[in-house]
Amino acid sequence: MNSPAREIPAPDAGTEVFAFVQALAAELSGGKVDLPSFPDIALRVRQVLSDEEVSQEKVVRVIGSEPMLAARLLQIANSAAVNFSGRAICELRSAIARLGFNMVRSAAIAFAMSQLKRSSELKGLERPLEQLWQRSAAVAATSYVVAKRFSRINPDTAMLAGLLHGIGKLYILTRAGNYPGLLADEAAYNCIVRDWHAAIAKALLENWEMAEEIVQAVSEYEDLERRGARAPDLTDVLTVSHLLDAFKDHPETLELNMHDAAACRRMQIDAAGYRKLIEESEHEIKALREALGV
């Protein structure tokens, strides 16, 4: 895969900044984009669910090999966000049947992301990892309700895209742990994240063999002028959800940004529609975040 066109800072801009950007460029051009610190169970779940003909029994065996994830799935299956019948279940097979494979995939990735801050390899990065996880879970929950209320996109797929929308930023953060000088230079670090995270996310998710619509959504959601199909697509859902979460505490800025976003026009949602969404979905969003472990 070819690396994106990026201007590599001159060495006098900071030795570590220069070295870090060189390393990113080499990893992208060499197709070596992966998350070695990512818990193995999430990757095994992804692999088994990539087979459209996989049996539920095989999924149960893979998830059952990680007791903490199995317990988490049971907790989600019995949560207010999913258990509409009020009937509690205590068997993993029943939990998977209730959730469906899309939600299981999301739950496995959510579990892995929440566990990253416990990795010894990432010691010292607990706070930014937690902040990134909080944002990912918030956007995931918002994506679920936005998809359900303003589009025909599968809400579970939208939730997965929301969880993954910061995966490029996560990759950069895990790599930056080896460059303390870069982490200390907030302006330089933020510049690298801004310029590189979308291309990295695209390469990483393609390496994981994620569905094309998820790859596109995660790599293009920040393009507010993106031309899309007449009907709202997954990228539109993620764009709107990210805006709603990013500016939820600043309504005047939110309205301005929504006005400029092509996705909002395609979805026919404005600030008034957002306020109604929050009023009607606050409990659902809260339940979804709790189900994800936030």
Protein backbone atom coordinates (compact mmCIF):
# COMPACT_ATOMS: atom_id res chain seq x y z
CA MET A 1 0.00 0.00 0.00
CA ASN A 2 1.32 3.44 -0.86
CA SER A 3 1.77 5.88 1.99
CA PRO A 4 -0.28 9.08 1.86
CA ALA A 5 1.37 12.25 0.68
CA ARG A 6 2.54 13.88 3.89
CA GLU A 7 5.19 16.51 4.50
CA ILE A 8 7.81 15.07 6.83
CA PRO A 9 9.15 17.78 9.15
CA ALA A 10 12.79 18.72 8.82
CA PRO A 11 15.04 17.33 11.55
CA ASP A 12 15.36 20.74 13.19
CA ALA A 13 11.61 20.66 13.86
CA GLY A 14 12.40 18.10 16.54
CA THR A 15 14.36 14.88 16.28
CA GLU A 16 11.63 12.71 17.79
CA VAL A 17 8.86 14.28 15.69
CA PHE A 18 10.91 13.67 12.58
CA ALA A 19 11.73 10.09 13.57
CA PHE A 20 8.13 9.31 14.49
CA VAL A 21 6.68 10.58 11.20
CA GLN A 22 9.35 8.66 9.29
CA ALA A 23 8.32 5.52 11.17
CA LEU A 24 4.62 6.09 10.38
CA ALA A 25 5.40 6.58 6.70
CA ALA A 26 7.48 3.39 6.61
CA GLU A 27 4.76 1.35 8.33
CA LEU A 28 2.09 2.59 5.94
CA SER A 29 4.18 2.07 2.81
CA GLY A 30 5.18 -1.39 4.00
CA GLY A 31 1.63 -2.41 4.85
CA LYS A 32 2.68 -3.20 8.43
CA VAL A 33 -0.21 -1.48 10.16
CA ASP A 34 -1.46 -3.45 13.15
CA LEU A 35 -2.02 -3.06 16.88
CA PRO A 36 0.34 -5.50 18.65
CA SER A 37 -0.98 -4.41 22.04
CA PHE A 38 -4.59 -5.16 21.04
CA PRO A 39 -5.93 -8.12 23.06
CA ASP A 40 -5.76 -11.27 20.96
CA ILE A 41 -9.34 -12.30 21.75
CA ALA A 42 -10.77 -9.38 19.74
CA LEU A 43 -8.80 -10.43 16.69
CA ARG A 44 -9.85 -14.06 17.08
CA VAL A 45 -13.51 -13.04 17.34
CA ARG A 46 -13.08 -10.85 14.24
CA GLN A 47 -11.52 -13.73 12.34
CA VAL A 48 -14.19 -16.26 13.24
CA LEU A 49 -17.02 -13.82 12.44
CA SER A 50 -15.49 -13.00 9.05
CA ASP A 51 -16.83 -16.39 7.93
CA GLU A 52 -20.47 -15.77 6.96
CA GLU A 53 -21.20 -19.49 7.38
CA VAL A 54 -19.69 -19.78 10.87
CA SER A 55 -21.72 -21.79 13.33
CA GLN A 56 -22.92 -20.33 16.59
CA GLU A 57 -21.20 -23.21 18.36
CA LYS A 58 -17.80 -22.13 17.03
CA VAL A 59 -18.42 -18.53 18.12
CA VAL A 60 -19.37 -19.77 21.59
CA ARG A 61 -16.12 -21.77 21.82
CA VAL A 62 -13.93 -18.82 20.81
CA ILE A 63 -15.61 -16.35 23.16
CA GLY A 64 -15.77 -18.90 25.95
CA SER A 65 -11.98 -19.15 25.86
CA GLU A 66 -11.82 -15.65 27.37
CA PRO A 67 -13.88 -15.69 30.59
CA MET A 68 -13.82 -11.90 31.02
CA LEU A 69 -15.26 -11.32 27.55
CA ALA A 70 -17.84 -14.08 28.07
CA ALA A 71 -18.93 -12.43 31.30
CA ARG A 72 -19.09 -9.05 29.55
CA LEU A 73 -21.33 -10.46 26.81
CA LEU A 74 -23.69 -11.90 29.39
CA GLN A 75 -23.79 -8.53 31.13
CA ILE A 76 -24.60 -6.74 27.86
CA ALA A 77 -27.26 -9.31 26.92
CA ASN A 78 -29.00 -8.64 30.25
CA SER A 79 -28.62 -4.84 30.08
CA ALA A 80 -31.48 -2.41 29.62
CA ALA A 81 -30.15 -1.51 26.17
CA VAL A 82 -30.68 -5.04 24.82
CA ASN A 83 -32.93 -7.03 27.14
CA PHE A 84 -36.34 -5.70 26.17
CA SER A 85 -38.16 -8.77 27.47
CA GLY A 86 -36.79 -8.40 30.99
CA ARG A 87 -35.91 -12.10 31.00
CA ALA A 88 -32.41 -12.67 32.37
CA ILE A 89 -30.17 -15.25 30.74
CA CYS A 90 -27.11 -16.95 32.17
CA GLU A 91 -25.82 -19.04 29.26
CA LEU A 92 -23.27 -17.70 26.76
CA ARG A 93 -24.99 -19.36 23.79
CA SER A 94 -28.26 -17.61 24.63
CA ALA A 95 -26.44 -14.30 25.10
CA ILE A 96 -24.88 -14.54 21.63
CA ALA A 97 -28.24 -15.45 20.09
CA ARG A 98 -29.86 -12.43 21.74
CA LEU A 99 -27.12 -10.02 20.71
CA GLY A 100 -26.47 -11.21 17.16
CA PHE A 101 -23.05 -11.44 15.54
CA ASN A 102 -22.78 -7.71 14.74
CA MET A 103 -23.25 -6.76 18.39
CA VAL A 104 -20.88 -9.55 19.47
CA ARG A 105 -18.20 -8.12 17.17
CA SER A 106 -18.73 -4.66 18.66
CA ALA A 107 -18.66 -6.02 22.19
CA ALA A 108 -15.36 -7.84 21.55
CA ILE A 109 -13.72 -4.68 20.19
CA ALA A 110 -15.15 -2.60 23.04
CA PHE A 111 -13.77 -5.11 25.54
CA ALA A 112 -10.34 -5.03 23.88
CA MET A 113 -10.21 -1.24 23.81
CA SER A 114 -11.19 -1.00 27.47
CA GLN A 115 -8.44 -3.50 28.36
CA LEU A 116 -5.67 -1.68 26.51
CA LYS A 117 -4.98 0.70 29.38
CA ARG A 118 -4.00 -2.30 31.50
CA SER A 119 -1.29 -3.36 29.07
CA SER A 120 2.21 -3.21 30.53
CA GLU A 121 3.49 -2.08 27.12
CA LEU A 122 1.37 1.06 27.38
CA LYS A 123 2.16 1.99 30.96
CA GLY A 124 1.97 5.74 31.42
CA LEU A 125 -0.67 6.19 28.71
CA GLU A 126 -3.64 5.20 30.87
CA ARG A 127 -5.23 8.65 30.92
CA PRO A 128 -5.21 9.37 27.15
CA LEU A 129 -6.27 5.77 26.47
CA GLU A 130 -9.23 6.19 28.82
CA GLN A 131 -10.19 9.51 27.19
CA LEU A 132 -10.04 7.95 23.74
CA TRP A 133 -12.11 5.00 24.88
CA GLN A 134 -14.73 7.29 26.43
CA ARG A 135 -15.07 9.23 23.17
CA SER A 136 -15.26 6.05 21.10
CA ALA A 137 -18.02 4.61 23.28
CA ALA A 138 -19.97 7.90 23.24
CA VAL A 139 -19.83 8.14 19.45
CA ALA A 140 -20.74 4.45 19.15
CA ALA A 141 -23.88 4.88 21.28
CA THR A 142 -24.86 8.05 19.42
CA SER A 143 -24.26 6.33 16.05
CA TYR A 144 -26.65 3.56 17.06
CA VAL A 145 -29.57 5.91 17.76
CA VAL A 146 -28.82 8.23 14.82
CA ALA A 147 -28.79 5.27 12.42
CA LYS A 148 -32.03 3.93 13.84
CA ARG A 149 -33.90 7.25 13.75
CA PHE A 150 -32.52 9.02 10.69
CA SER A 151 -31.44 6.31 8.24
CA ARG A 152 -31.90 2.75 7.05
CA ILE A 153 -28.40 1.79 8.15
CA ASN A 154 -28.14 -1.22 10.49
CA PRO A 155 -27.75 0.32 13.98
CA ASP A 156 -25.36 -2.44 15.09
CA THR A 157 -23.10 -1.69 12.12
CA ALA A 158 -23.24 2.00 12.99
CA MET A 159 -22.25 1.23 16.56
CA LEU A 160 -19.23 -0.75 15.34
CA ALA A 161 -18.17 2.15 13.08
CA GLY A 162 -18.51 4.49 16.04
CA LEU A 163 -16.32 2.29 18.20
CA LEU A 164 -13.68 2.19 15.48
CA HIS A 165 -13.78 5.84 14.45
CA GLY A 166 -10.74 6.65 16.60
CA ILE A 167 -8.70 3.54 15.74
CA GLY A 168 -6.12 5.57 13.80
CA LYS A 169 -5.68 7.86 16.80
CA LEU A 170 -5.29 4.80 19.01
CA TYR A 171 -2.58 3.44 16.73
CA ILE A 172 -0.68 6.74 16.86
CA LEU A 173 -1.00 6.92 20.63
CA THR A 174 0.32 3.39 21.17
CA ARG A 175 3.28 4.11 18.87
CA ALA A 176 3.98 7.51 20.46
CA GLY A 177 4.64 5.85 23.82
CA ASN A 178 8.17 5.18 22.59
CA TYR A 179 8.70 8.88 21.85
CA PRO A 180 8.31 10.79 25.15
CA GLY A 181 9.57 14.00 23.57
CA LEU A 182 6.74 13.89 21.05
CA LEU A 183 4.10 13.30 23.72
CA ALA A 184 5.47 16.29 25.62
CA ASP A 185 4.99 18.49 22.53
CA GLU A 186 1.19 18.69 22.45
CA ALA A 187 1.02 20.90 19.34
CA ALA A 188 3.26 18.61 17.30
CA TYR A 189 1.45 15.50 18.49
CA ASN A 190 -2.00 16.91 17.65
CA CYS A 191 -0.75 17.94 14.22
CA ILE A 192 0.41 14.39 13.51
CA VAL A 193 -2.90 12.94 14.70
CA ARG A 194 -4.86 15.35 12.52
CA ASP A 195 -2.82 14.63 9.40
CA TRP A 196 -2.34 10.87 9.76
CA HIS A 197 -5.13 9.17 11.70
CA ALA A 198 -7.58 8.70 8.79
CA ALA A 199 -5.01 7.06 6.49
CA ILE A 200 -3.79 4.84 9.31
CA ALA A 201 -7.34 3.82 10.22
CA LYS A 202 -8.03 2.88 6.59
CA ALA A 203 -4.88 0.76 6.36
CA LEU A 204 -5.50 -0.91 9.71
CA LEU A 205 -9.14 -1.79 9.03
CA GLU A 206 -8.30 -3.07 5.56
CA ASN A 207 -5.66 -5.26 7.20
CA TRP A 208 -8.37 -6.52 9.56
CA GLU A 209 -10.61 -7.21 6.53
CA MET A 210 -13.42 -5.03 7.84
CA ALA A 211 -16.40 -4.37 5.57
CA GLU A 212 -15.74 -1.68 2.97
CA GLU A 213 -18.55 0.56 4.27
CA ILE A 214 -16.95 0.60 7.73
CA VAL A 215 -13.50 1.33 6.28
CA GLN A 216 -14.94 4.19 4.25
CA ALA A 217 -16.93 5.62 7.17
CA VAL A 218 -13.99 5.58 9.59
CA SER A 219 -11.57 7.11 7.08
CA GLU A 220 -13.92 9.77 5.65
CA TYR A 221 -16.28 10.88 8.43
CA GLU A 222 -14.41 14.15 9.02
CA ASP A 223 -14.98 15.32 5.43
CA LEU A 224 -17.94 17.65 6.01
CA GLU A 225 -18.27 18.41 2.29
CA ARG A 226 -18.18 14.77 1.18
CA ARG A 227 -20.45 13.98 -1.73
CA GLY A 228 -22.50 10.91 -1.05
CA ALA A 229 -25.44 9.00 -2.41
CA ARG A 230 -28.87 10.58 -2.28
CA ALA A 231 -29.84 8.35 0.65
CA PRO A 232 -27.78 8.68 3.87
CA ASP A 233 -25.03 6.09 4.18
CA LEU A 234 -22.92 4.82 7.08
CA THR A 235 -20.35 7.59 6.61
CA ASP A 236 -23.12 10.19 6.98
CA VAL A 237 -24.29 8.53 10.19
CA LEU A 238 -20.77 8.60 11.63
CA THR A 239 -20.18 12.20 10.53
CA VAL A 240 -23.35 13.39 12.23
CA SER A 241 -22.75 11.32 15.36
CA HIS A 242 -19.19 12.61 15.71
CA LEU A 243 -20.41 16.22 15.36
CA LEU A 244 -23.15 15.68 17.93
CA ASP A 245 -20.71 14.25 20.44
CA ALA A 246 -17.90 16.74 19.76
CA PHE A 247 -20.07 19.83 20.16
CA LYS A 248 -22.83 18.63 22.48
CA ASP A 249 -21.75 21.05 25.21
CA HIS A 250 -21.55 24.00 22.80
CA PRO A 251 -24.94 24.26 21.06
CA GLU A 252 -24.11 27.45 19.17
CA THR A 253 -20.99 25.84 17.65
CA LEU A 254 -22.88 22.61 17.00
CA GLU A 255 -25.54 24.41 14.95
CA LEU A 256 -22.88 26.16 12.86
CA ASN A 257 -21.00 22.94 12.15
CA MET A 258 -24.18 21.02 11.34
CA HIS A 259 -25.20 23.75 8.92
CA ASP A 260 -21.94 23.26 7.01
CA ALA A 261 -22.10 19.45 6.93
CA ALA A 262 -23.42 17.78 3.77
CA ALA A 263 -24.24 14.68 5.84
CA CYS A 264 -26.68 16.67 7.98
CA ARG A 265 -28.45 17.93 4.86
CA ARG A 266 -28.72 14.41 3.45
CA MET A 267 -30.09 13.13 6.75
CA GLN A 268 -32.32 16.19 7.15
CA ILE A 269 -31.21 16.76 10.71
CA ASP A 270 -30.60 20.20 12.20
CA ALA A 271 -30.07 21.54 15.71
CA ALA A 272 -33.78 21.20 16.49
CA GLY A 273 -33.72 17.61 15.30
CA TYR A 274 -30.68 16.97 17.45
CA ARG A 275 -32.36 18.39 20.56
CA LYS A 276 -35.36 16.16 19.92
CA LEU A 277 -33.06 13.18 19.42
CA ILE A 278 -31.35 13.82 22.77
CA GLU A 279 -34.66 14.32 24.57
CA GLU A 280 -36.12 11.09 23.20
CA SER A 281 -32.94 8.99 23.25
CA GLU A 282 -31.07 10.12 26.36
CA HIS A 283 -32.01 6.99 28.28
CA GLU A 284 -31.17 4.73 25.32
CA ILE A 285 -27.76 6.36 24.77
CA LYS A 286 -27.00 6.05 28.49
CA ALA A 287 -28.02 2.38 28.47
CA LEU A 288 -25.87 1.69 25.42
CA ARG A 289 -22.83 3.35 26.99
CA GLU A 290 -23.34 1.34 30.16
CA ALA A 291 -23.62 -1.81 28.06
CA LEU A 292 -20.28 -0.96 26.46
CA GLY A 293 -18.74 -0.56 29.89
CA VAL A 294 -18.61 3.23 30.21
